[in-house]
């Protein structure tokens, strides 16, 4: 998927697209896992969690929210 060149690595267009979206998917998965853990701890459905509580838990783990 990566080709080497004289100057280092050059990425093909498809690889660039995959890598570009990988971090967003990773963070989405982390948020889903944190939401599930909070739901179990608070005995609430994930949809009933306070968003600020979820955001605080993610920030505590080092996630940068925008």
N, C-alpha and C. Protein backbone atom coordinates (compact mmCIF):
# COMPACT_ATOMS: atom_id res chain seq x y z
N UNK A 1 0.80 -1.18 0.00
CA UNK A 1 0.00 0.00 0.00
C UNK A 1 0.86 1.27 0.00
N UNK A 2 2.01 1.22 0.58
CA UNK A 2 2.90 2.38 0.54
C UNK A 2 3.99 2.09 -0.48
N UNK A 3 4.33 3.08 -1.23
CA UNK A 3 5.44 2.91 -2.16
C UNK A 3 6.60 3.73 -1.62
N UNK A 4 7.76 3.23 -1.81
CA UNK A 4 8.93 4.00 -1.38
C UNK A 4 9.44 4.82 -2.54
N UNK A 5 10.02 5.93 -2.18
CA UNK A 5 10.63 6.77 -3.21
C UNK A 5 11.99 7.22 -2.70
N UNK A 6 12.69 7.93 -3.52
CA UNK A 6 14.00 8.42 -3.14
C UNK A 6 13.93 9.31 -1.89
N UNK A 7 12.83 10.05 -1.73
CA UNK A 7 12.68 11.00 -0.63
C UNK A 7 12.01 10.40 0.61
N UNK A 8 11.75 9.15 0.65
CA UNK A 8 11.05 8.54 1.78
C UNK A 8 9.82 7.81 1.29
N UNK A 9 8.74 7.93 2.03
CA UNK A 9 7.50 7.24 1.65
C UNK A 9 6.55 8.20 0.95
N UNK A 10 5.94 7.72 -0.10
CA UNK A 10 4.85 8.45 -0.72
C UNK A 10 3.61 7.60 -0.56
N UNK A 11 2.52 8.22 -0.22
CA UNK A 11 1.29 7.47 0.03
C UNK A 11 0.38 7.55 -1.18
N UNK A 12 -0.21 6.48 -1.45
CA UNK A 12 -1.21 6.48 -2.51
C UNK A 12 -2.47 7.16 -2.00
N UNK A 13 -3.26 7.63 -2.89
CA UNK A 13 -4.46 8.38 -2.53
C UNK A 13 -5.39 7.57 -1.61
N UNK A 14 -5.61 6.31 -1.90
CA UNK A 14 -6.51 5.49 -1.08
C UNK A 14 -5.98 5.33 0.35
N UNK A 15 -4.68 5.17 0.47
CA UNK A 15 -4.09 5.02 1.80
C UNK A 15 -4.24 6.31 2.58
N UNK A 16 -4.03 7.43 1.93
CA UNK A 16 -4.19 8.72 2.60
C UNK A 16 -5.60 8.88 3.15
N UNK A 17 -6.59 8.48 2.37
CA UNK A 17 -7.97 8.59 2.82
C UNK A 17 -8.22 7.71 4.04
N UNK A 18 -7.71 6.50 4.02
CA UNK A 18 -7.90 5.58 5.15
C UNK A 18 -7.25 6.12 6.42
N UNK A 19 -6.03 6.56 6.29
CA UNK A 19 -5.29 7.06 7.45
C UNK A 19 -5.96 8.33 7.99
N UNK A 20 -6.44 9.16 7.10
CA UNK A 20 -7.07 10.42 7.49
C UNK A 20 -8.26 10.18 8.42
N UNK A 21 -9.01 9.14 8.16
CA UNK A 21 -10.22 8.87 8.94
C UNK A 21 -10.00 7.90 10.10
N UNK A 22 -8.84 7.30 10.17
CA UNK A 22 -8.59 6.29 11.20
C UNK A 22 -8.66 6.88 12.61
N UNK A 23 -8.10 8.07 12.81
CA UNK A 23 -8.11 8.66 14.15
C UNK A 23 -9.53 8.97 14.60
N UNK A 24 -10.35 9.48 13.72
CA UNK A 24 -11.74 9.75 14.07
C UNK A 24 -12.47 8.50 14.49
N UNK A 25 -12.22 7.42 13.79
CA UNK A 25 -12.84 6.15 14.14
C UNK A 25 -12.34 5.65 15.49
N UNK A 26 -11.06 5.82 15.74
CA UNK A 26 -10.48 5.40 17.01
C UNK A 26 -11.10 6.15 18.17
N UNK A 27 -11.22 7.46 18.03
CA UNK A 27 -11.79 8.27 19.10
C UNK A 27 -13.27 7.96 19.27
N UNK A 28 -13.98 7.71 18.18
CA UNK A 28 -15.39 7.34 18.29
C UNK A 28 -15.56 6.05 19.06
N UNK A 29 -14.68 5.10 18.80
CA UNK A 29 -14.72 3.83 19.53
C UNK A 29 -14.40 4.02 21.00
N UNK A 30 -13.45 4.89 21.29
CA UNK A 30 -13.10 5.17 22.68
C UNK A 30 -14.29 5.82 23.38
N UNK A 31 -14.94 6.75 22.73
CA UNK A 31 -16.10 7.42 23.32
C UNK A 31 -17.23 6.42 23.58
N UNK A 32 -17.43 5.50 22.66
CA UNK A 32 -18.47 4.49 22.85
C UNK A 32 -18.15 3.59 24.04
N UNK A 33 -16.88 3.22 24.17
CA UNK A 33 -16.48 2.39 25.30
C UNK A 33 -16.62 3.11 26.63
N UNK A 34 -16.24 4.38 26.67
CA UNK A 34 -16.37 5.17 27.89
C UNK A 34 -17.85 5.35 28.24
N UNK A 35 -18.67 5.60 27.23
CA UNK A 35 -20.11 5.73 27.46
C UNK A 35 -20.70 4.44 28.02
N UNK A 36 -20.27 3.31 27.50
CA UNK A 36 -20.76 2.03 28.00
C UNK A 36 -20.35 1.82 29.45
N UNK A 37 -19.11 2.15 29.77
CA UNK A 37 -18.64 1.99 31.15
C UNK A 37 -19.40 2.92 32.10
N UNK A 38 -19.61 4.16 31.68
CA UNK A 38 -20.37 5.09 32.51
C UNK A 38 -21.81 4.63 32.70
N UNK A 39 -22.39 4.07 31.65
CA UNK A 39 -23.76 3.58 31.74
C UNK A 39 -23.87 2.45 32.77
N UNK A 40 -22.89 1.56 32.77
CA UNK A 40 -22.89 0.47 33.74
C UNK A 40 -22.71 1.02 35.16
N UNK A 41 -21.76 1.95 35.32
CA UNK A 41 -21.48 2.52 36.64
C UNK A 41 -22.68 3.28 37.20
N UNK A 42 -23.40 3.98 36.36
CA UNK A 42 -24.51 4.81 36.82
C UNK A 42 -25.87 4.11 36.68
N UNK A 43 -25.85 2.92 36.12
CA UNK A 43 -27.07 2.13 35.88
C UNK A 43 -28.08 2.91 35.03
N UNK A 44 -27.55 3.58 34.00
CA UNK A 44 -28.38 4.31 33.05
C UNK A 44 -28.15 3.75 31.66
N UNK A 45 -29.08 4.04 30.76
CA UNK A 45 -28.85 3.72 29.36
C UNK A 45 -27.86 4.75 28.82
N UNK A 46 -27.00 4.35 27.88
CA UNK A 46 -26.04 5.31 27.32
C UNK A 46 -26.70 6.61 26.83
N UNK A 47 -27.86 6.51 26.25
CA UNK A 47 -28.54 7.72 25.74
C UNK A 47 -28.99 8.65 26.86
N UNK A 48 -29.08 8.13 28.09
CA UNK A 48 -29.53 8.94 29.22
C UNK A 48 -28.38 9.56 30.01
N UNK A 49 -27.15 9.32 29.58
CA UNK A 49 -26.00 9.90 30.28
C UNK A 49 -25.94 11.40 30.05
N UNK A 50 -25.38 12.09 31.01
CA UNK A 50 -25.12 13.52 30.84
C UNK A 50 -23.90 13.66 29.92
N UNK A 51 -24.05 14.43 28.87
CA UNK A 51 -22.96 14.58 27.90
C UNK A 51 -21.73 15.18 28.56
N UNK A 52 -21.92 16.09 29.50
CA UNK A 52 -20.79 16.72 30.19
C UNK A 52 -19.99 15.68 30.99
N UNK A 53 -20.66 14.70 31.55
CA UNK A 53 -19.98 13.63 32.29
C UNK A 53 -19.13 12.79 31.33
N UNK A 54 -19.66 12.47 30.18
CA UNK A 54 -18.92 11.72 29.17
C UNK A 54 -17.73 12.53 28.67
N UNK A 55 -17.96 13.80 28.39
CA UNK A 55 -16.86 14.65 27.92
C UNK A 55 -15.76 14.75 28.97
N UNK A 56 -16.14 14.90 30.24
CA UNK A 56 -15.14 14.99 31.31
C UNK A 56 -14.32 13.71 31.40
N UNK A 57 -14.97 12.57 31.26
CA UNK A 57 -14.25 11.29 31.32
C UNK A 57 -13.28 11.16 30.15
N UNK A 58 -13.67 11.60 28.96
CA UNK A 58 -12.79 11.53 27.80
C UNK A 58 -11.61 12.49 27.95
N UNK A 59 -11.87 13.69 28.45
CA UNK A 59 -10.78 14.65 28.66
C UNK A 59 -9.79 14.12 29.68
N UNK A 60 -10.29 13.46 30.71
CA UNK A 60 -9.43 12.86 31.73
C UNK A 60 -8.50 11.80 31.12
N UNK A 61 -8.95 11.17 30.05
CA UNK A 61 -8.14 10.16 29.35
C UNK A 61 -7.22 10.79 28.31
N UNK A 62 -7.28 12.09 28.17
CA UNK A 62 -6.38 12.77 27.24
C UNK A 62 -6.95 13.03 25.86
N UNK A 63 -8.24 12.81 25.68
CA UNK A 63 -8.87 13.06 24.39
C UNK A 63 -9.10 14.57 24.25
N UNK A 64 -8.72 15.09 23.09
CA UNK A 64 -8.95 16.52 22.82
C UNK A 64 -10.29 16.64 22.10
N UNK A 65 -11.21 17.37 22.70
CA UNK A 65 -12.53 17.56 22.11
C UNK A 65 -12.58 18.91 21.41
N UNK A 66 -13.28 18.97 20.29
CA UNK A 66 -13.39 20.21 19.53
C UNK A 66 -14.81 20.66 19.50
